[in-house]
Every structure is written in structure tokens, then in C-alpha cells.
Amino acid sequence: MVGLKLDSGSILYFRLPSTSDGDSMLSVALTALASRLPVEVQYNPAIPASCGGSEPNIEIIAILGA
């Protein structure tokens, strides 16, 4: 699970799958965390992550300034 710090200062958590379907999403998230670069995340709060839990499903994650 990773947290995204919003502009408001609060943290929104996402559950990232560790399956072959989620490998690209997981690799981008880990790269962003390791590089400490800002990210942009598009998600649908109405659709929970496919790996279970109530966290929203990430549709797109992009590293900014890379």
C-alpha cells in the first residue's frame, strides 16, 4: 500500500497489486518513491482496487519532472 500526499496535506492511500496485471503500476509507483519526484495520479473513487480493500483503483500514474 502506498500513500499519496495531496495538496491539502492529507494522505490518500492506494493498494497496488503485486500480480502481473499490476506490475507496470507498481514499478512506476516504486520509481516515484525512490526518486522522490512528484506524481500525478488519476483514479476512480467509486471503483476499489482489484486486489481487495476499499482503496480507490488507480487508472493512470505518471512521474512528473522526470
PDB file of N, CA and C in Angstrom:
ATOM      1  N   MET A   1       0.852  -1.160   0.000  1.00  0.00           N
ATOM      2  CA  MET A   1       0.000   0.000   0.000  1.00  0.00           C
ATOM      3  C   MET A   1       0.904   1.230   0.000  1.00  0.00           C
ATOM      4  N   VAL A   2       0.537   2.221  -0.786  1.00  0.00           N
ATOM      5  CA  VAL A   2       1.283   3.478  -0.835  1.00  0.00           C
ATOM      6  C   VAL A   2       0.331   4.620  -0.529  1.00  0.00           C
ATOM      7  N   GLY A   3       0.894   5.706  -0.032  1.00  0.00           N
ATOM      8  CA  GLY A   3       0.100   6.889   0.254  1.00  0.00           C
ATOM      9  C   GLY A   3       0.527   8.027  -0.647  1.00  0.00           C
ATOM     10  N   LEU A   4      -0.436   8.784  -1.106  1.00  0.00           N
ATOM     11  CA  LEU A   4      -0.181   9.962  -1.932  1.00  0.00           C
ATOM     12  C   LEU A   4      -0.541  11.182  -1.105  1.00  0.00           C
ATOM     13  N   LYS A   5       0.429  12.072  -0.880  1.00  0.00           N
ATOM     14  CA  LYS A   5       0.166  13.285  -0.116  1.00  0.00           C
ATOM     15  C   LYS A   5      -0.495  14.297  -1.036  1.00  0.00           C
ATOM     16  N   LEU A   6      -1.714  14.666  -0.700  1.00  0.00           N
ATOM     17  CA  LEU A   6      -2.476  15.607  -1.510  1.00  0.00           C
ATOM     18  C   LEU A   6      -2.019  17.034  -1.249  1.00  0.00           C
ATOM     19  N   ASP A   7      -2.388  17.953  -2.131  1.00  0.00           N
ATOM     20  CA  ASP A   7      -2.039  19.360  -1.953  1.00  0.00           C
ATOM     21  C   ASP A   7      -2.578  19.904  -0.633  1.00  0.00           C
ATOM     22  N   SER A   8      -3.672  19.340  -0.153  1.00  0.00           N
ATOM     23  CA  SER A   8      -4.276  19.784   1.107  1.00  0.00           C
ATOM     24  C   SER A   8      -3.479  19.324   2.320  1.00  0.00           C
ATOM     25  N   GLY A   9      -2.531  18.404   2.108  1.00  0.00           N
ATOM     26  CA  GLY A   9      -1.721  17.882   3.199  1.00  0.00           C
ATOM     27  C   GLY A   9      -2.190  16.534   3.706  1.00  0.00           C
ATOM     28  N   SER A  10      -3.412  16.142   3.367  1.00  0.00           N
ATOM     29  CA  SER A  10      -3.895  14.830   3.795  1.00  0.00           C
ATOM     30  C   SER A  10      -3.305  13.746   2.889  1.00  0.00           C
ATOM     31  N   ILE A  11      -3.386  12.508   3.343  1.00  0.00           N
ATOM     32  CA  ILE A  11      -2.817  11.388   2.596  1.00  0.00           C
ATOM     33  C   ILE A  11      -3.932  10.474   2.123  1.00  0.00           C
ATOM     34  N   LEU A  12      -3.897  10.127   0.839  1.00  0.00           N
ATOM     35  CA  LEU A  12      -4.848   9.200   0.235  1.00  0.00           C
ATOM     36  C   LEU A  12      -4.082   7.915  -0.067  1.00  0.00           C
ATOM     37  N   TYR A  13      -4.590   6.803   0.441  1.00  0.00           N
ATOM     38  CA  TYR A  13      -3.890   5.527   0.287  1.00  0.00           C
ATOM     39  C   TYR A  13      -4.416   4.732  -0.892  1.00  0.00           C
ATOM     40  N   PHE A  14      -3.500   4.031  -1.551  1.00  0.00           N
ATOM     41  CA  PHE A  14      -3.821   3.152  -2.672  1.00  0.00           C
ATOM     42  C   PHE A  14      -3.192   1.795  -2.407  1.00  0.00           C
ATOM     43  N   ARG A  15      -3.890   0.752  -2.795  1.00  0.00           N
ATOM     44  CA  ARG A  15      -3.368  -0.612  -2.694  1.00  0.00           C
ATOM     45  C   ARG A  15      -2.909  -1.008  -4.098  1.00  0.00           C
ATOM     46  N   LEU A  16      -1.632  -1.363  -4.229  1.00  0.00           N
ATOM     47  CA  LEU A  16      -1.080  -1.738  -5.532  1.00  0.00           C
ATOM     48  C   LEU A  16      -0.972  -3.250  -5.623  1.00  0.00           C
ATOM     49  N   PRO A  17      -1.515  -3.834  -6.677  1.00  0.00           N
ATOM     50  CA  PRO A  17      -1.436  -5.291  -6.812  1.00  0.00           C
ATOM     51  C   PRO A  17      -0.009  -5.744  -7.096  1.00  0.00           C
ATOM     52  N   SER A  18       0.330  -6.916  -6.604  1.00  0.00           N
ATOM     53  CA  SER A  18       1.654  -7.484  -6.882  1.00  0.00           C
ATOM     54  C   SER A  18       1.509  -8.677  -7.823  1.00  0.00           C
ATOM     55  N   THR A  19       0.640  -8.514  -8.806  1.00  0.00           N
ATOM     56  CA  THR A  19       0.418  -9.548  -9.818  1.00  0.00           C
ATOM     57  C   THR A  19       0.943  -9.049 -11.151  1.00  0.00           C
ATOM     58  N   SER A  20       0.968  -9.903 -12.143  1.00  0.00           N
ATOM     59  CA  SER A  20       1.470  -9.488 -13.457  1.00  0.00           C
ATOM     60  C   SER A  20       0.631  -8.357 -14.039  1.00  0.00           C
ATOM     61  N   ASP A  21      -0.656  -8.298 -13.705  1.00  0.00           N
ATOM     62  CA  ASP A  21      -1.503  -7.212 -14.205  1.00  0.00           C
ATOM     63  C   ASP A  21      -1.116  -5.866 -13.609  1.00  0.00           C
ATOM     64  N   GLY A  22      -0.588  -5.860 -12.393  1.00  0.00           N
ATOM     65  CA  GLY A  22      -0.262  -4.610 -11.725  1.00  0.00           C
ATOM     66  C   GLY A  22       1.203  -4.267 -11.720  1.00  0.00           C
ATOM     67  N   ASP A  23       2.030  -5.059 -12.408  1.00  0.00           N
ATOM     68  CA  ASP A  23       3.472  -4.833 -12.379  1.00  0.00           C
ATOM     69  C   ASP A  23       3.866  -3.457 -12.893  1.00  0.00           C
ATOM     70  N   SER A  24       3.265  -2.987 -13.975  1.00  0.00           N
ATOM     71  CA  SER A  24       3.653  -1.683 -14.518  1.00  0.00           C
ATOM     72  C   SER A  24       3.261  -0.565 -13.563  1.00  0.00           C
ATOM     73  N   MET A  25       2.093  -0.657 -12.942  1.00  0.00           N
ATOM     74  CA  MET A  25       1.652   0.344 -11.977  1.00  0.00           C
ATOM     75  C   MET A  25       2.574   0.336 -10.762  1.00  0.00           C
ATOM     76  N   LEU A  26       2.911  -0.849 -10.297  1.00  0.00           N
ATOM     77  CA  LEU A  26       3.791  -0.990  -9.144  1.00  0.00           C
ATOM     78  C   LEU A  26       5.179  -0.445  -9.447  1.00  0.00           C
ATOM     79  N   SER A  27       5.709  -0.712 -10.633  1.00  0.00           N
ATOM     80  CA  SER A  27       7.048  -0.235 -10.974  1.00  0.00           C
ATOM     81  C   SER A  27       7.096   1.286 -11.060  1.00  0.00           C
ATOM     82  N   VAL A  28       6.062   1.912 -11.591  1.00  0.00           N
ATOM     83  CA  VAL A  28       6.025   3.380 -11.657  1.00  0.00           C
ATOM     84  C   VAL A  28       5.932   3.961 -10.250  1.00  0.00           C
ATOM     85  N   ALA A  29       5.092   3.378  -9.406  1.00  0.00           N
ATOM     86  CA  ALA A  29       4.948   3.869  -8.035  1.00  0.00           C
ATOM     87  C   ALA A  29       6.259   3.734  -7.262  1.00  0.00           C
ATOM     88  N   LEU A  30       6.936   2.604  -7.400  1.00  0.00           N
ATOM     89  CA  LEU A  30       8.207   2.407  -6.704  1.00  0.00           C
ATOM     90  C   LEU A  30       9.288   3.343  -7.228  1.00  0.00           C
ATOM     91  N   THR A  31       9.313   3.585  -8.533  1.00  0.00           N
ATOM     92  CA  THR A  31      10.271   4.528  -9.111  1.00  0.00           C
ATOM     93  C   THR A  31      10.027   5.930  -8.575  1.00  0.00           C
ATOM     94  N   ALA A  32       8.766   6.328  -8.495  1.00  0.00           N
ATOM     95  CA  ALA A  32       8.428   7.649  -7.963  1.00  0.00           C
ATOM     96  C   ALA A  32       8.851   7.770  -6.506  1.00  0.00           C
ATOM     97  N   LEU A  33       8.606   6.725  -5.721  1.00  0.00           N
ATOM     98  CA  LEU A  33       9.001   6.751  -4.314  1.00  0.00           C
ATOM     99  C   LEU A  33      10.514   6.833  -4.167  1.00  0.00           C
ATOM    100  N   ALA A  34      11.245   6.047  -4.952  1.00  0.00           N
ATOM    101  CA  ALA A  34      12.701   6.012  -4.850  1.00  0.00           C
ATOM    102  C   ALA A  34      13.336   7.320  -5.313  1.00  0.00           C
ATOM    103  N   SER A  35      12.772   7.943  -6.332  1.00  0.00           N
ATOM    104  CA  SER A  35      13.349   9.172  -6.885  1.00  0.00           C
ATOM    105  C   SER A  35      12.853  10.424  -6.176  1.00  0.00           C
ATOM    106  N   ARG A  36      11.796  10.270  -5.374  1.00  0.00           N
ATOM    107  CA  ARG A  36      11.189  11.387  -4.634  1.00  0.00           C
ATOM    108  C   ARG A  36      10.694  12.491  -5.574  1.00  0.00           C
ATOM    109  N   LEU A  37      10.299  12.101  -6.780  1.00  0.00           N
ATOM    110  CA  LEU A  37       9.731  13.047  -7.733  1.00  0.00           C
ATOM    111  C   LEU A  37       8.221  13.122  -7.534  1.00  0.00           C
ATOM    112  N   PRO A  38       7.618  14.255  -7.879  1.00  0.00           N
ATOM    113  CA  PRO A  38       6.160  14.358  -7.755  1.00  0.00           C
ATOM    114  C   PRO A  38       5.464  13.468  -8.783  1.00  0.00           C
ATOM    115  N   VAL A  39       4.271  13.042  -8.439  1.00  0.00           N
ATOM    116  CA  VAL A  39       3.488  12.197  -9.333  1.00  0.00           C
ATOM    117  C   VAL A  39       2.102  12.789  -9.534  1.00  0.00           C
ATOM    118  N   GLU A  40       1.493  12.385 -10.623  1.00  0.00           N
ATOM    119  CA  GLU A  40       0.086  12.700 -10.882  1.00  0.00           C
ATOM    120  C   GLU A  40      -0.639  11.368 -10.955  1.00  0.00           C
ATOM    121  N   VAL A  41      -1.731  11.261 -10.196  1.00  0.00           N
ATOM    122  CA  VAL A  41      -2.496  10.023 -10.154  1.00  0.00           C
ATOM    123  C   VAL A  41      -3.930  10.320 -10.560  1.00  0.00           C
ATOM    124  N   GLN A  42      -4.434   9.541 -11.501  1.00  0.00           N
ATOM    125  CA  GLN A  42      -5.855   9.604 -11.848  1.00  0.00           C
ATOM    126  C   GLN A  42      -6.478   8.317 -11.346  1.00  0.00           C
ATOM    127  N   TYR A  43      -7.566   8.466 -10.604  1.00  0.00           N
ATOM    128  CA  TYR A  43      -8.200   7.301 -10.004  1.00  0.00           C
ATOM    129  C   TYR A  43      -9.706   7.481  -9.978  1.00  0.00           C
ATOM    130  N   ASN A  44     -10.393   6.386  -9.778  1.00  0.00           N
ATOM    131  CA  ASN A  44     -11.845   6.411  -9.676  1.00  0.00           C
ATOM    132  C   ASN A  44     -12.211   5.991  -8.261  1.00  0.00           C
ATOM    133  N   PRO A  45     -12.691   6.921  -7.431  1.00  0.00           N
ATOM    134  CA  PRO A  45     -13.005   6.576  -6.047  1.00  0.00           C
ATOM    135  C   PRO A  45     -14.170   5.599  -5.917  1.00  0.00           C
ATOM    136  N   ALA A  46     -14.944   5.436  -6.973  1.00  0.00           N
ATOM    137  CA  ALA A  46     -16.095   4.530  -6.920  1.00  0.00           C
ATOM    138  C   ALA A  46     -15.712   3.078  -7.193  1.00  0.00           C
ATOM    139  N   ILE A  47     -14.498   2.864  -7.709  1.00  0.00           N
ATOM    140  CA  ILE A  47     -14.065   1.504  -8.047  1.00  0.00           C
ATOM    141  C   ILE A  47     -12.899   1.129  -7.135  1.00  0.00           C
ATOM    142  N   PRO A  48     -13.091   0.144  -6.249  1.00  0.00           N
ATOM    143  CA  PRO A  48     -11.985  -0.255  -5.376  1.00  0.00           C
ATOM    144  C   PRO A  48     -10.908  -1.009  -6.151  1.00  0.00           C
ATOM    145  N   ALA A  49      -9.709  -1.034  -5.594  1.00  0.00           N
ATOM    146  CA  ALA A  49      -8.590  -1.736  -6.222  1.00  0.00           C
ATOM    147  C   ALA A  49      -8.943  -3.196  -6.454  1.00  0.00           C
ATOM    148  N   SER A  50      -8.450  -3.736  -7.546  1.00  0.00           N
ATOM    149  CA  SER A  50      -8.771  -5.115  -7.915  1.00  0.00           C
ATOM    150  C   SER A  50      -8.161  -6.138  -6.963  1.00  0.00           C
ATOM    151  N   CYS A  51      -7.201  -5.710  -6.144  1.00  0.00           N
ATOM    152  CA  CYS A  51      -6.545  -6.652  -5.234  1.00  0.00           C
ATOM    153  C   CYS A  51      -7.191  -6.668  -3.856  1.00  0.00           C
ATOM    154  N   GLY A  52      -8.384  -6.116  -3.759  1.00  0.00           N
ATOM    155  CA  GLY A  52      -9.107  -6.132  -2.492  1.00  0.00           C
ATOM    156  C   GLY A  52      -8.938  -4.842  -1.712  1.00  0.00           C
ATOM    157  N   GLY A  53      -9.720  -4.696  -0.680  1.00  0.00           N
ATOM    158  CA  GLY A  53      -9.664  -3.489   0.123  1.00  0.00           C
ATOM    159  C   GLY A  53     -10.622  -2.441  -0.399  1.00  0.00           C
ATOM    160  N   SER A  54     -10.678  -1.324   0.300  1.00  0.00           N
ATOM    161  CA  SER A  54     -11.610  -0.262  -0.082  1.00  0.00           C
ATOM    162  C   SER A  54     -10.909   0.932  -0.720  1.00  0.00           C
ATOM    163  N   GLU A  55      -9.599   0.838  -0.932  1.00  0.00           N
ATOM    164  CA  GLU A  55      -8.850   1.937  -1.533  1.00  0.00           C
ATOM    165  C   GLU A  55      -9.248   2.088  -2.998  1.00  0.00           C
ATOM    166  N   PRO A  56      -9.199   3.333  -3.532  1.00  0.00           N
ATOM    167  CA  PRO A  56      -9.603   3.541  -4.928  1.00  0.00           C
ATOM    168  C   PRO A  56      -8.647   2.884  -5.917  1.00  0.00           C
ATOM    169  N   ASN A  57      -9.175   2.597  -7.086  1.00  0.00           N
ATOM    170  CA  ASN A  57      -8.410   1.972  -8.156  1.00  0.00           C
ATOM    171  C   ASN A  57      -7.658   3.041  -8.948  1.00  0.00           C
ATOM    172  N   ILE A  58      -6.338   2.898  -9.075  1.00  0.00           N
ATOM    173  CA  ILE A  58      -5.536   3.827  -9.872  1.00  0.00           C
ATOM    174  C   ILE A  58      -5.741   3.495 -11.342  1.00  0.00           C
ATOM    175  N   GLU A  59      -6.073   4.510 -12.139  1.00  0.00           N
ATOM    176  CA  GLU A  59      -6.214   4.323 -13.581  1.00  0.00           C
ATOM    177  C   GLU A  59      -4.939   4.720 -14.309  1.00  0.00           C
ATOM    178  N   ILE A  60      -4.327   5.825 -13.880  1.00  0.00           N
ATOM    179  CA  ILE A  60      -3.091   6.316 -14.502  1.00  0.00           C
ATOM    180  C   ILE A  60      -2.203   6.882 -13.403  1.00  0.00           C
ATOM    181  N   ILE A  61      -0.914   6.566 -13.473  1.00  0.00           N
ATOM    182  CA  ILE A  61       0.063   7.191 -12.583  1.00  0.00           C
ATOM    183  C   ILE A  61       1.228   7.653 -13.450  1.00  0.00           C
ATOM    184  N   ALA A  62       1.644   8.892 -13.262  1.00  0.00           N
ATOM    185  CA  ALA A  62       2.726   9.450 -14.068  1.00  0.00           C
ATOM    186  C   ALA A  62       3.707  10.182 -13.164  1.00  0.00           C
ATOM    187  N   ILE A  63       4.995  10.022 -13.447  1.00  0.00           N
ATOM    188  CA  ILE A  63       6.030  10.737 -12.711  1.00  0.00           C
ATOM    189  C   ILE A  63       6.246  12.074 -13.403  1.00  0.00           C
ATOM    190  N   LEU A  64       6.189  13.147 -12.638  1.00  0.00           N
ATOM    191  CA  LEU A  64       6.361  14.492 -13.188  1.00  0.00           C
ATOM    192  C   LEU A  64       7.808  14.938 -13.016  1.00  0.00           C
ATOM    193  N   GLY A  65       8.302  15.690 -13.961  1.00  0.00           N
ATOM    194  CA  GLY A  65       9.644  16.235 -13.861  1.00  0.00           C
ATOM    195  C   GLY A  65      10.750  15.235 -14.123  1.00  0.00           C
ATOM    196  N   ALA A  66      10.407  14.087 -14.685  1.00  0.00           N
ATOM    197  CA  ALA A  66      11.443  13.078 -14.961  1.00  0.00           C
ATOM    198  C   ALA A  66      12.019  13.290 -16.345  1.00  0.00           C
TER     199      ALA A  66
END
